[in-house]
Protein backbone atom coordinates (compact mmCIF):
# COMPACT_ATOMS: atom_id res chain seq x y z
CA UNK A 1 0.00 0.00 0.00
CA UNK A 2 1.08 3.55 -0.65
CA UNK A 3 2.36 5.95 1.99
CA UNK A 4 -0.23 7.41 4.33
CA UNK A 5 -2.20 10.14 2.64
CA UNK A 6 -4.25 12.92 4.08
CA UNK A 7 -7.39 10.82 3.56
CA UNK A 8 -5.77 7.82 5.27
CA UNK A 9 -4.81 9.98 8.24
CA UNK A 10 -8.27 11.54 8.39
CA UNK A 11 -9.94 8.11 8.24
CA UNK A 12 -7.73 6.95 11.12
CA UNK A 13 -8.56 10.07 13.12
CA UNK A 14 -12.29 9.54 12.53
CA UNK A 15 -11.97 5.91 13.68
CA UNK A 16 -10.16 7.07 16.82
CA UNK A 17 -13.01 9.43 17.64
CA UNK A 18 -15.25 6.44 18.46
CA UNK A 19 -13.59 6.49 21.87
CA UNK A 20 -13.59 10.28 22.28
CA UNK A 21 -15.99 12.04 24.60
CA UNK A 22 -19.10 13.16 22.74
CA UNK A 23 -19.06 16.55 24.49
CA UNK A 24 -15.81 17.42 22.70
CA UNK A 25 -16.03 15.46 19.45
CA UNK A 26 -18.41 16.32 16.62
CA UNK A 27 -17.31 13.13 14.87
CA UNK A 28 -18.30 11.07 17.91
CA UNK A 29 -21.69 12.83 17.98
CA UNK A 30 -22.26 11.91 14.32
CA UNK A 31 -21.21 8.28 14.86
CA UNK A 32 -23.44 8.02 17.93
CA UNK A 33 -26.38 9.42 15.96
CA UNK A 34 -26.14 6.47 13.57
CA UNK A 35 -26.25 5.75 9.89
CA UNK A 36 -29.30 7.88 9.08
CA UNK A 37 -27.69 11.03 10.49
CA UNK A 38 -24.31 10.29 8.91
CA UNK A 39 -25.92 9.65 5.51
CA UNK A 40 -28.01 12.81 5.76
CA UNK A 41 -24.97 14.95 6.58
CA UNK A 42 -23.05 13.42 3.67
CA UNK A 43 -25.95 14.19 1.34
CA UNK A 44 -26.19 17.77 2.58
CA UNK A 45 -22.50 18.34 2.02
CA UNK A 46 -22.64 16.76 -1.44
CA UNK A 47 -25.44 19.14 -2.43
CA UNK A 48 -23.51 22.11 -1.05
CA UNK A 49 -20.51 20.98 -3.11
CA UNK A 50 -22.63 20.93 -6.27
CA UNK A 51 -23.99 24.40 -5.50
CA UNK A 52 -20.46 25.75 -4.96
CA UNK A 53 -19.31 24.19 -8.23
CA UNK A 54 -22.19 25.71 -10.20
CA UNK A 55 -21.60 29.08 -8.56
CA UNK A 56 -18.06 29.09 -9.97
CA UNK A 57 -16.55 29.90 -6.57
CA UNK A 58 -13.28 27.95 -6.34
CA UNK A 59 -12.76 28.73 -2.65
CA UNK A 60 -16.25 27.59 -1.70
CA UNK A 61 -15.89 24.50 -3.88
CA UNK A 62 -12.65 23.54 -2.15
CA UNK A 63 -14.19 24.01 1.30
CA UNK A 64 -17.37 22.12 0.45
CA UNK A 65 -15.43 19.32 -1.24
CA UNK A 66 -13.35 18.96 1.94
CA UNK A 67 -16.54 18.82 4.02
CA UNK A 68 -17.96 16.21 1.65
CA UNK A 69 -14.86 14.02 1.90
CA UNK A 70 -14.91 14.27 5.71
CA UNK A 71 -18.58 13.28 5.87
CA UNK A 72 -18.02 10.43 3.40
CA UNK A 73 -15.29 9.08 5.68
CA UNK A 74 -17.59 9.40 8.69
CA UNK A 75 -20.31 7.53 6.78
CA UNK A 76 -17.86 4.77 5.86
CA UNK A 77 -16.71 4.52 9.49
CA UNK A 78 -20.31 4.36 10.67
CA UNK A 79 -20.89 1.37 8.37
CA UNK A 80 -17.54 -0.25 9.15
CA UNK A 81 -16.22 0.12 5.60
CA UNK A 82 -12.50 0.81 5.40
CA UNK A 83 -11.21 3.55 3.14
CA UNK A 84 -8.63 1.05 1.88
CA UNK A 85 -11.45 -1.16 0.62
CA UNK A 86 -12.98 1.74 -1.31
CA UNK A 87 -9.57 2.61 -2.74
CA UNK A 88 -9.12 -1.03 -3.77
CA UNK A 89 -12.35 -0.80 -5.78
CA UNK A 90 -11.10 2.38 -7.44
CA UNK A 91 -7.75 0.76 -8.16
CA UNK A 92 -9.46 -2.22 -9.78
CA UNK A 93 -11.25 0.17 -12.11
CA UNK A 94 -8.10 1.98 -13.21
CA UNK A 95 -7.33 1.42 -16.86
CA UNK A 96 -10.89 0.33 -17.58
CA UNK A 97 -13.13 2.43 -19.74
CA UNK A 98 -15.84 4.03 -17.65
CA UNK A 99 -18.38 2.98 -20.25
CA UNK A 100 -17.16 -0.64 -20.16
CA UNK A 101 -17.01 -0.69 -16.35
CA UNK A 102 -20.59 0.61 -16.01
CA UNK A 103 -21.81 -1.92 -18.58
CA UNK A 104 -20.13 -4.77 -16.68
CA UNK A 105 -21.71 -3.63 -13.41
CA UNK A 106 -25.19 -3.46 -14.92
CA UNK A 107 -24.82 -7.00 -16.33
CA UNK A 108 -23.77 -8.38 -12.94
CA UNK A 109 -26.66 -6.89 -10.94
CA UNK A 110 -30.08 -8.51 -11.14
C-alpha atoms as a PDB file:
ATOM      1  CA  UNK A   1       0.000   0.000   0.000  1.00  0.00           C
ATOM      2  CA  UNK A   2       1.079   3.553  -0.650  1.00  0.00           C
ATOM      3  CA  UNK A   3       2.362   5.948   1.986  1.00  0.00           C
ATOM      4  CA  UNK A   4      -0.232   7.414   4.333  1.00  0.00           C
ATOM      5  CA  UNK A   5      -2.196  10.136   2.636  1.00  0.00           C
ATOM      6  CA  UNK A   6      -4.248  12.920   4.080  1.00  0.00           C
ATOM      7  CA  UNK A   7      -7.394  10.821   3.563  1.00  0.00           C
ATOM      8  CA  UNK A   8      -5.772   7.825   5.268  1.00  0.00           C
ATOM      9  CA  UNK A   9      -4.811   9.980   8.243  1.00  0.00           C
ATOM     10  CA  UNK A  10      -8.267  11.536   8.390  1.00  0.00           C
ATOM     11  CA  UNK A  11      -9.937   8.113   8.241  1.00  0.00           C
ATOM     12  CA  UNK A  12      -7.732   6.945  11.121  1.00  0.00           C
ATOM     13  CA  UNK A  13      -8.563  10.074  13.120  1.00  0.00           C
ATOM     14  CA  UNK A  14     -12.286   9.535  12.530  1.00  0.00           C
ATOM     15  CA  UNK A  15     -11.972   5.913  13.684  1.00  0.00           C
ATOM     16  CA  UNK A  16     -10.157   7.066  16.825  1.00  0.00           C
ATOM     17  CA  UNK A  17     -13.012   9.433  17.640  1.00  0.00           C
ATOM     18  CA  UNK A  18     -15.245   6.442  18.458  1.00  0.00           C
ATOM     19  CA  UNK A  19     -13.587   6.491  21.866  1.00  0.00           C
ATOM     20  CA  UNK A  20     -13.595  10.284  22.284  1.00  0.00           C
ATOM     21  CA  UNK A  21     -15.987  12.045  24.604  1.00  0.00           C
ATOM     22  CA  UNK A  22     -19.104  13.163  22.745  1.00  0.00           C
ATOM     23  CA  UNK A  23     -19.055  16.552  24.494  1.00  0.00           C
ATOM     24  CA  UNK A  24     -15.814  17.419  22.705  1.00  0.00           C
ATOM     25  CA  UNK A  25     -16.033  15.457  19.449  1.00  0.00           C
ATOM     26  CA  UNK A  26     -18.407  16.319  16.622  1.00  0.00           C
ATOM     27  CA  UNK A  27     -17.311  13.132  14.870  1.00  0.00           C
ATOM     28  CA  UNK A  28     -18.300  11.066  17.906  1.00  0.00           C
ATOM     29  CA  UNK A  29     -21.685  12.827  17.976  1.00  0.00           C
ATOM     30  CA  UNK A  30     -22.258  11.908  14.324  1.00  0.00           C
ATOM     31  CA  UNK A  31     -21.210   8.282  14.855  1.00  0.00           C
ATOM     32  CA  UNK A  32     -23.436   8.022  17.930  1.00  0.00           C
ATOM     33  CA  UNK A  33     -26.381   9.421  15.957  1.00  0.00           C
ATOM     34  CA  UNK A  34     -26.142   6.471  13.565  1.00  0.00           C
ATOM     35  CA  UNK A  35     -26.254   5.748   9.885  1.00  0.00           C
ATOM     36  CA  UNK A  36     -29.302   7.883   9.077  1.00  0.00           C
ATOM     37  CA  UNK A  37     -27.694  11.032  10.494  1.00  0.00           C
ATOM     38  CA  UNK A  38     -24.314  10.292   8.907  1.00  0.00           C
ATOM     39  CA  UNK A  39     -25.921   9.647   5.512  1.00  0.00           C
ATOM     40  CA  UNK A  40     -28.012  12.814   5.760  1.00  0.00           C
ATOM     41  CA  UNK A  41     -24.968  14.947   6.575  1.00  0.00           C
ATOM     42  CA  UNK A  42     -23.046  13.421   3.674  1.00  0.00           C
ATOM     43  CA  UNK A  43     -25.949  14.188   1.336  1.00  0.00           C
ATOM     44  CA  UNK A  44     -26.194  17.770   2.577  1.00  0.00           C
ATOM     45  CA  UNK A  45     -22.497  18.342   2.023  1.00  0.00           C
ATOM     46  CA  UNK A  46     -22.640  16.758  -1.442  1.00  0.00           C
ATOM     47  CA  UNK A  47     -25.437  19.139  -2.425  1.00  0.00           C
ATOM     48  CA  UNK A  48     -23.505  22.105  -1.045  1.00  0.00           C
ATOM     49  CA  UNK A  49     -20.508  20.984  -3.115  1.00  0.00           C
ATOM     50  CA  UNK A  50     -22.630  20.927  -6.269  1.00  0.00           C
ATOM     51  CA  UNK A  51     -23.989  24.395  -5.501  1.00  0.00           C
ATOM     52  CA  UNK A  52     -20.464  25.755  -4.963  1.00  0.00           C
ATOM     53  CA  UNK A  53     -19.315  24.191  -8.231  1.00  0.00           C
ATOM     54  CA  UNK A  54     -22.189  25.705 -10.202  1.00  0.00           C
ATOM     55  CA  UNK A  55     -21.600  29.084  -8.557  1.00  0.00           C
ATOM     56  CA  UNK A  56     -18.058  29.088  -9.971  1.00  0.00           C
ATOM     57  CA  UNK A  57     -16.547  29.905  -6.571  1.00  0.00           C
ATOM     58  CA  UNK A  58     -13.276  27.949  -6.340  1.00  0.00           C
ATOM     59  CA  UNK A  59     -12.763  28.734  -2.651  1.00  0.00           C
ATOM     60  CA  UNK A  60     -16.246  27.595  -1.695  1.00  0.00           C
ATOM     61  CA  UNK A  61     -15.892  24.504  -3.881  1.00  0.00           C
ATOM     62  CA  UNK A  62     -12.648  23.538  -2.152  1.00  0.00           C
ATOM     63  CA  UNK A  63     -14.193  24.010   1.301  1.00  0.00           C
ATOM     64  CA  UNK A  64     -17.375  22.120   0.451  1.00  0.00           C
ATOM     65  CA  UNK A  65     -15.431  19.315  -1.235  1.00  0.00           C
ATOM     66  CA  UNK A  66     -13.348  18.958   1.937  1.00  0.00           C
ATOM     67  CA  UNK A  67     -16.540  18.817   4.024  1.00  0.00           C
ATOM     68  CA  UNK A  68     -17.965  16.205   1.649  1.00  0.00           C
ATOM     69  CA  UNK A  69     -14.864  14.018   1.904  1.00  0.00           C
ATOM     70  CA  UNK A  70     -14.913  14.268   5.709  1.00  0.00           C
ATOM     71  CA  UNK A  71     -18.578  13.285   5.871  1.00  0.00           C
ATOM     72  CA  UNK A  72     -18.015  10.426   3.400  1.00  0.00           C
ATOM     73  CA  UNK A  73     -15.292   9.076   5.676  1.00  0.00           C
ATOM     74  CA  UNK A  74     -17.595   9.397   8.694  1.00  0.00           C
ATOM     75  CA  UNK A  75     -20.306   7.529   6.780  1.00  0.00           C
ATOM     76  CA  UNK A  76     -17.858   4.767   5.863  1.00  0.00           C
ATOM     77  CA  UNK A  77     -16.710   4.516   9.490  1.00  0.00           C
ATOM     78  CA  UNK A  78     -20.306   4.358  10.670  1.00  0.00           C
ATOM     79  CA  UNK A  79     -20.893   1.365   8.374  1.00  0.00           C
ATOM     80  CA  UNK A  80     -17.536  -0.253   9.148  1.00  0.00           C
ATOM     81  CA  UNK A  81     -16.224   0.123   5.600  1.00  0.00           C
ATOM     82  CA  UNK A  82     -12.496   0.807   5.405  1.00  0.00           C
ATOM     83  CA  UNK A  83     -11.211   3.552   3.142  1.00  0.00           C
ATOM     84  CA  UNK A  84      -8.634   1.051   1.883  1.00  0.00           C
ATOM     85  CA  UNK A  85     -11.450  -1.163   0.617  1.00  0.00           C
ATOM     86  CA  UNK A  86     -12.976   1.739  -1.314  1.00  0.00           C
ATOM     87  CA  UNK A  87      -9.569   2.606  -2.740  1.00  0.00           C
ATOM     88  CA  UNK A  88      -9.122  -1.032  -3.775  1.00  0.00           C
ATOM     89  CA  UNK A  89     -12.355  -0.801  -5.779  1.00  0.00           C
ATOM     90  CA  UNK A  90     -11.102   2.379  -7.435  1.00  0.00           C
ATOM     91  CA  UNK A  91      -7.745   0.757  -8.159  1.00  0.00           C
ATOM     92  CA  UNK A  92      -9.457  -2.224  -9.780  1.00  0.00           C
ATOM     93  CA  UNK A  93     -11.255   0.173 -12.110  1.00  0.00           C
ATOM     94  CA  UNK A  94      -8.095   1.982 -13.213  1.00  0.00           C
ATOM     95  CA  UNK A  95      -7.329   1.417 -16.856  1.00  0.00           C
ATOM     96  CA  UNK A  96     -10.888   0.331 -17.580  1.00  0.00           C
ATOM     97  CA  UNK A  97     -13.130   2.430 -19.738  1.00  0.00           C
ATOM     98  CA  UNK A  98     -15.842   4.035 -17.652  1.00  0.00           C
ATOM     99  CA  UNK A  99     -18.377   2.984 -20.253  1.00  0.00           C
ATOM    100  CA  UNK A 100     -17.162  -0.637 -20.163  1.00  0.00           C
ATOM    101  CA  UNK A 101     -17.014  -0.685 -16.354  1.00  0.00           C
ATOM    102  CA  UNK A 102     -20.589   0.613 -16.014  1.00  0.00           C
ATOM    103  CA  UNK A 103     -21.811  -1.919 -18.576  1.00  0.00           C
ATOM    104  CA  UNK A 104     -20.125  -4.765 -16.675  1.00  0.00           C
ATOM    105  CA  UNK A 105     -21.710  -3.629 -13.406  1.00  0.00           C
ATOM    106  CA  UNK A 106     -25.190  -3.458 -14.924  1.00  0.00           C
ATOM    107  CA  UNK A 107     -24.818  -6.997 -16.329  1.00  0.00           C
ATOM    108  CA  UNK A 108     -23.772  -8.382 -12.941  1.00  0.00           C
ATOM    109  CA  UNK A 109     -26.662  -6.892 -10.937  1.00  0.00           C
ATOM    110  CA  UNK A 110     -30.076  -8.509 -11.141  1.00  0.00           C
END
